[in-house]
Amino acid sequence: MFRIFSGKSRNNTSSGDRDSHSPGQGRSISFDPNLIHNLKSDHKELIQIYQRIWSEGYEMQDFRKISELLKVFKSTFQAHLIKENVSFYVYLEQSLSNDSHTLQIVKDFRTDMNDIANAVVQFCKRYSREVFTGKMLMDFKQDYEKIGEALTRRVSLEERELYTLYRFS
């Protein structure tokens, strides 16, 4: 159902190769000493909301609650992505401009996150309903678990590996 689980990767050369921070443009993102803490706090909040979707919604067969929590999850997730894209990735791309190998790894992480984001948004849209069909009820558990696995893997990688690259330069 969701492309990130198909094993296919996406080539994103057109936007990935742009350097929107060349010296002549005068734009730059400043280091924010609180950014990583804020991003990790977002992760905790997202995990809590995600778990509530299961415990307060699915387990109780409360489809209205599932719908409500999915809307909160989606908006919280999208706000996190904006913060990450604007403040984190742009800063890393500026600060790593002389390290093409590490910069490519960062761009690959960003592309992977965009694929996960698309799957999460599709999931939220599909199940943000107050009534489920029998098929939707059966599919929900499997899709919920897939999203959870992808997010758990991603949060772990970001916090353990990627966020360590964010340093004052």
C-alpha atoms as a PDB file:
ATOM      1  CA  MET A   1       0.000   0.000   0.000  1.00  0.00           C
ATOM      2  CA  PHE A   2       2.646   2.542   0.944  1.00  0.00           C
ATOM      3  CA  ARG A   3       5.608   3.038  -1.374  1.00  0.00           C
ATOM      4  CA  ILE A   4       8.247   3.147   1.378  1.00  0.00           C
ATOM      5  CA  PHE A   5       7.511  -0.475   2.115  1.00  0.00           C
ATOM      6  CA  SER A   6       7.921  -1.672  -1.460  1.00  0.00           C
ATOM      7  CA  GLY A   7      11.705  -1.714  -1.312  1.00  0.00           C
ATOM      8  CA  LYS A   8      11.963   0.840  -4.111  1.00  0.00           C
ATOM      9  CA  SER A   9      13.992   3.968  -3.575  1.00  0.00           C
ATOM     10  CA  ARG A  10      13.355   7.307  -5.125  1.00  0.00           C
ATOM     11  CA  ASN A  11      15.948   9.313  -6.978  1.00  0.00           C
ATOM     12  CA  ASN A  12      15.637  12.932  -6.065  1.00  0.00           C
ATOM     13  CA  THR A  13      18.341  14.545  -8.119  1.00  0.00           C
ATOM     14  CA  SER A  14      16.503  17.655  -9.152  1.00  0.00           C
ATOM     15  CA  SER A  15      15.823  19.044  -5.669  1.00  0.00           C
ATOM     16  CA  GLY A  16      18.698  17.248  -3.989  1.00  0.00           C
ATOM     17  CA  ASP A  17      21.340  18.869  -6.163  1.00  0.00           C
ATOM     18  CA  ARG A  18      20.128  22.429  -5.702  1.00  0.00           C
ATOM     19  CA  ASP A  19      22.293  24.652  -3.597  1.00  0.00           C
ATOM     20  CA  SER A  20      19.930  27.312  -2.351  1.00  0.00           C
ATOM     21  CA  HIS A  21      22.605  28.688  -0.056  1.00  0.00           C
ATOM     22  CA  SER A  22      25.247  29.824  -2.465  1.00  0.00           C
ATOM     23  CA  PRO A  23      27.202  32.847  -1.275  1.00  0.00           C
ATOM     24  CA  GLY A  24      25.504  35.301  -3.636  1.00  0.00           C
ATOM     25  CA  GLN A  25      22.026  34.700  -2.277  1.00  0.00           C
ATOM     26  CA  GLY A  26      22.708  35.969   1.254  1.00  0.00           C
ATOM     27  CA  ARG A  27      20.529  33.339   2.968  1.00  0.00           C
ATOM     28  CA  SER A  28      21.652  31.207   5.825  1.00  0.00           C
ATOM     29  CA  ILE A  29      20.222  29.342   8.767  1.00  0.00           C
ATOM     30  CA  SER A  30      21.803  30.018  12.128  1.00  0.00           C
ATOM     31  CA  PHE A  31      22.710  27.357  14.641  1.00  0.00           C
ATOM     32  CA  ASP A  32      20.003  26.842  17.257  1.00  0.00           C
ATOM     33  CA  PRO A  33      21.361  25.306  20.479  1.00  0.00           C
ATOM     34  CA  ASN A  34      17.834  24.117  21.394  1.00  0.00           C
ATOM     35  CA  LEU A  35      16.937  22.557  18.052  1.00  0.00           C
ATOM     36  CA  ILE A  36      17.963  18.953  18.762  1.00  0.00           C
ATOM     37  CA  HIS A  37      16.238  19.007  22.145  1.00  0.00           C
ATOM     38  CA  ASN A  38      13.085  20.364  20.463  1.00  0.00           C
ATOM     39  CA  LEU A  39      13.203  17.751  17.702  1.00  0.00           C
ATOM     40  CA  LYS A  40      13.613  14.962  20.264  1.00  0.00           C
ATOM     41  CA  SER A  41      10.683  16.377  22.243  1.00  0.00           C
ATOM     42  CA  ASP A  42       8.625  16.258  19.044  1.00  0.00           C
ATOM     43  CA  HIS A  43       9.570  12.595  18.668  1.00  0.00           C
ATOM     44  CA  LYS A  44       8.351  11.818  22.182  1.00  0.00           C
ATOM     45  CA  GLU A  45       5.082  13.625  21.559  1.00  0.00           C
ATOM     46  CA  LEU A  46       4.560  11.827  18.247  1.00  0.00           C
ATOM     47  CA  ILE A  47       5.208   8.445  19.870  1.00  0.00           C
ATOM     48  CA  GLN A  48       2.698   9.225  22.623  1.00  0.00           C
ATOM     49  CA  ILE A  49       0.018  10.235  20.127  1.00  0.00           C
ATOM     50  CA  TYR A  50       0.795   7.186  17.992  1.00  0.00           C
ATOM     51  CA  GLN A  51       0.389   4.857  20.993  1.00  0.00           C
ATOM     52  CA  ARG A  52      -2.885   6.550  21.953  1.00  0.00           C
ATOM     53  CA  ILE A  53      -4.238   5.842  18.451  1.00  0.00           C
ATOM     54  CA  TRP A  54      -3.938   2.166  19.336  1.00  0.00           C
ATOM     55  CA  SER A  55      -4.917   2.144  23.004  1.00  0.00           C
ATOM     56  CA  GLU A  56      -7.687   4.743  22.988  1.00  0.00           C
ATOM     57  CA  GLY A  57      -8.906   4.164  19.442  1.00  0.00           C
ATOM     58  CA  TYR A  58      -8.286   0.759  17.939  1.00  0.00           C
ATOM     59  CA  GLU A  59      -8.433  -1.351  21.087  1.00  0.00           C
ATOM     60  CA  MET A  60     -11.656   0.389  22.150  1.00  0.00           C
ATOM     61  CA  GLN A  61     -13.036   0.207  18.588  1.00  0.00           C
ATOM     62  CA  ASP A  62     -13.609   3.960  18.909  1.00  0.00           C
ATOM     63  CA  PHE A  63     -13.273   5.080  15.302  1.00  0.00           C
ATOM     64  CA  ARG A  64     -14.118   8.675  16.155  1.00  0.00           C
ATOM     65  CA  LYS A  65     -11.145   8.702  18.554  1.00  0.00           C
ATOM     66  CA  ILE A  66      -8.898   7.124  15.896  1.00  0.00           C
ATOM     67  CA  SER A  67      -9.942   9.836  13.462  1.00  0.00           C
ATOM     68  CA  GLU A  68      -9.386  12.597  16.022  1.00  0.00           C
ATOM     69  CA  LEU A  69      -5.963  11.298  17.060  1.00  0.00           C
ATOM     70  CA  LEU A  70      -4.862  10.737  13.471  1.00  0.00           C
ATOM     71  CA  LYS A  71      -5.615  14.370  12.702  1.00  0.00           C
ATOM     72  CA  VAL A  72      -3.547  15.471  15.717  1.00  0.00           C
ATOM     73  CA  PHE A  73      -0.779  13.027  14.771  1.00  0.00           C
ATOM     74  CA  LYS A  74      -0.702  14.262  11.165  1.00  0.00           C
ATOM     75  CA  SER A  75      -0.553  17.949  12.084  1.00  0.00           C
ATOM     76  CA  THR A  76       2.097  17.350  14.783  1.00  0.00           C
ATOM     77  CA  PHE A  77       4.105  15.218  12.351  1.00  0.00           C
ATOM     78  CA  GLN A  78       3.915  17.844   9.605  1.00  0.00           C
ATOM     79  CA  ALA A  79       4.953  20.627  12.005  1.00  0.00           C
ATOM     80  CA  HIS A  80       7.947  18.495  13.030  1.00  0.00           C
ATOM     81  CA  LEU A  81       8.885  17.938   9.382  1.00  0.00           C
ATOM     82  CA  ILE A  82       8.763  21.650   8.631  1.00  0.00           C
ATOM     83  CA  LYS A  83      11.003  22.385  11.605  1.00  0.00           C
ATOM     84  CA  GLU A  84      13.377  19.611  10.575  1.00  0.00           C
ATOM     85  CA  ASN A  85      13.451  20.637   6.910  1.00  0.00           C
ATOM     86  CA  VAL A  86      13.859  24.354   7.466  1.00  0.00           C
ATOM     87  CA  SER A  87      16.099  24.476  10.515  1.00  0.00           C
ATOM     88  CA  PHE A  88      17.933  21.161  10.620  1.00  0.00           C
ATOM     89  CA  TYR A  89      18.524  19.968   7.064  1.00  0.00           C
ATOM     90  CA  VAL A  90      19.198  23.395   5.579  1.00  0.00           C
ATOM     91  CA  TYR A  91      21.710  24.156   8.336  1.00  0.00           C
ATOM     92  CA  LEU A  92      23.460  20.808   7.788  1.00  0.00           C
ATOM     93  CA  GLU A  93      23.588  21.329   4.053  1.00  0.00           C
ATOM     94  CA  GLN A  94      25.211  24.742   4.586  1.00  0.00           C
ATOM     95  CA  SER A  95      27.682  23.554   7.193  1.00  0.00           C
ATOM     96  CA  LEU A  96      28.620  20.408   5.265  1.00  0.00           C
ATOM     97  CA  SER A  97      28.997  22.075   1.879  1.00  0.00           C
ATOM     98  CA  ASN A  98      32.713  21.193   1.813  1.00  0.00           C
ATOM     99  CA  ASP A  99      32.155  17.530   2.783  1.00  0.00           C
ATOM    100  CA  SER A 100      30.438  15.999  -0.247  1.00  0.00           C
ATOM    101  CA  HIS A 101      30.339  12.459   1.191  1.00  0.00           C
ATOM    102  CA  THR A 102      28.594  13.407   4.444  1.00  0.00           C
ATOM    103  CA  LEU A 103      26.406  15.889   2.596  1.00  0.00           C
ATOM    104  CA  GLN A 104      25.170  13.093   0.295  1.00  0.00           C
ATOM    105  CA  ILE A 105      24.339  10.946   3.327  1.00  0.00           C
ATOM    106  CA  VAL A 106      22.311  13.830   4.781  1.00  0.00           C
ATOM    107  CA  LYS A 107      20.476  14.264   1.472  1.00  0.00           C
ATOM    108  CA  ASP A 108      19.709  10.537   1.405  1.00  0.00           C
ATOM    109  CA  PHE A 109      18.299  10.771   4.934  1.00  0.00           C
ATOM    110  CA  ARG A 110      16.139  13.673   3.822  1.00  0.00           C
ATOM    111  CA  THR A 111      14.816  11.765   0.805  1.00  0.00           C
ATOM    112  CA  ASP A 112      14.042   8.747   3.001  1.00  0.00           C
ATOM    113  CA  MET A 113      12.179  10.995   5.427  1.00  0.00           C
ATOM    114  CA  ASN A 114      10.112  12.444   2.597  1.00  0.00           C
ATOM    115  CA  ASP A 115       9.088   8.917   1.571  1.00  0.00           C
ATOM    116  CA  ILE A 116       8.104   8.096   5.158  1.00  0.00           C
ATOM    117  CA  ALA A 117       6.203  11.377   5.397  1.00  0.00           C
ATOM    118  CA  ASN A 118       4.172  10.529   2.299  1.00  0.00           C
ATOM    119  CA  ALA A 119       3.279   7.120   3.751  1.00  0.00           C
ATOM    120  CA  VAL A 120       2.293   8.642   7.105  1.00  0.00           C
ATOM    121  CA  VAL A 121       0.060  11.239   5.455  1.00  0.00           C
ATOM    122  CA  GLN A 122      -1.589   8.554   3.277  1.00  0.00           C
ATOM    123  CA  PHE A 123      -2.177   6.425   6.383  1.00  0.00           C
ATOM    124  CA  CYS A 124      -3.703   9.325   8.295  1.00  0.00           C
ATOM    125  CA  LYS A 125      -5.971  10.277   5.415  1.00  0.00           C
ATOM    126  CA  ARG A 126      -7.131   6.716   4.828  1.00  0.00           C
ATOM    127  CA  TYR A 127      -8.121   6.068   8.427  1.00  0.00           C
ATOM    128  CA  SER A 128      -9.371   9.524   9.470  1.00  0.00           C
ATOM    129  CA  ARG A 129     -12.960   8.324   9.298  1.00  0.00           C
ATOM    130  CA  GLU A 130     -15.513   7.804  11.984  1.00  0.00           C
ATOM    131  CA  VAL A 131     -16.733   4.558  10.402  1.00  0.00           C
ATOM    132  CA  PHE A 132     -14.513   1.699   9.240  1.00  0.00           C
ATOM    133  CA  THR A 133     -15.483  -1.019   6.808  1.00  0.00           C
ATOM    134  CA  GLY A 134     -14.555  -4.585   7.733  1.00  0.00           C
ATOM    135  CA  LYS A 135     -11.630  -4.477   5.291  1.00  0.00           C
ATOM    136  CA  MET A 136     -10.381  -1.185   6.731  1.00  0.00           C
ATOM    137  CA  LEU A 137     -10.501  -2.665  10.206  1.00  0.00           C
ATOM    138  CA  MET A 138      -8.419  -5.638   9.064  1.00  0.00           C
ATOM    139  CA  ASP A 139      -5.960  -3.454   7.134  1.00  0.00           C
ATOM    140  CA  PHE A 140      -5.591  -0.883   9.923  1.00  0.00           C
ATOM    141  CA  LYS A 141      -3.579  -3.145  12.223  1.00  0.00           C
ATOM    142  CA  GLN A 142      -1.116  -4.111   9.489  1.00  0.00           C
ATOM    143  CA  ASP A 143      -0.743  -0.543   8.216  1.00  0.00           C
ATOM    144  CA  TYR A 144      -0.420   0.817  11.764  1.00  0.00           C
ATOM    145  CA  GLU A 145       2.384  -1.656  12.484  1.00  0.00           C
ATOM    146  CA  LYS A 146       4.212  -0.795   9.248  1.00  0.00           C
ATOM    147  CA  ILE A 147       4.042   2.919   9.996  1.00  0.00           C
ATOM    148  CA  GLY A 148       5.214   2.242  13.548  1.00  0.00           C
ATOM    149  CA  GLU A 149       8.180   0.190  12.360  1.00  0.00           C
ATOM    150  CA  ALA A 150       9.228   2.862   9.865  1.00  0.00           C
ATOM    151  CA  LEU A 151       8.891   5.672  12.420  1.00  0.00           C
ATOM    152  CA  THR A 152      10.678   3.731  15.169  1.00  0.00           C
ATOM    153  CA  ARG A 153      13.572   2.946  12.841  1.00  0.00           C
ATOM    154  CA  ARG A 154      13.714   6.535  11.654  1.00  0.00           C
ATOM    155  CA  VAL A 155      13.560   8.163  15.113  1.00  0.00           C
ATOM    156  CA  SER A 156      16.293   5.830  16.322  1.00  0.00           C
ATOM    157  CA  LEU A 157      18.544   6.623  13.340  1.00  0.00           C
ATOM    158  CA  GLU A 158      17.972  10.351  13.615  1.00  0.00           C
ATOM    159  CA  GLU A 159      18.656  10.538  17.319  1.00  0.00           C
ATOM    160  CA  ARG A 160      21.580   8.113  17.306  1.00  0.00           C
ATOM    161  CA  GLU A 161      23.325   9.113  14.073  1.00  0.00           C
ATOM    162  CA  LEU A 162      21.970  12.076  12.164  1.00  0.00           C
ATOM    163  CA  TYR A 163      21.477  14.544  15.011  1.00  0.00           C
ATOM    164  CA  THR A 164      25.123  14.130  16.025  1.00  0.00           C
ATOM    165  CA  LEU A 165      26.069  16.005  12.842  1.00  0.00           C
ATOM    166  CA  TYR A 166      24.325  19.157  14.070  1.00  0.00           C
ATOM    167  CA  ARG A 167      27.092  21.292  15.539  1.00  0.00           C
ATOM    168  CA  PHE A 168      27.922  24.948  15.678  1.00  0.00           C
ATOM    169  CA  SER A 169      30.160  25.823  12.757  1.00  0.00           C
END
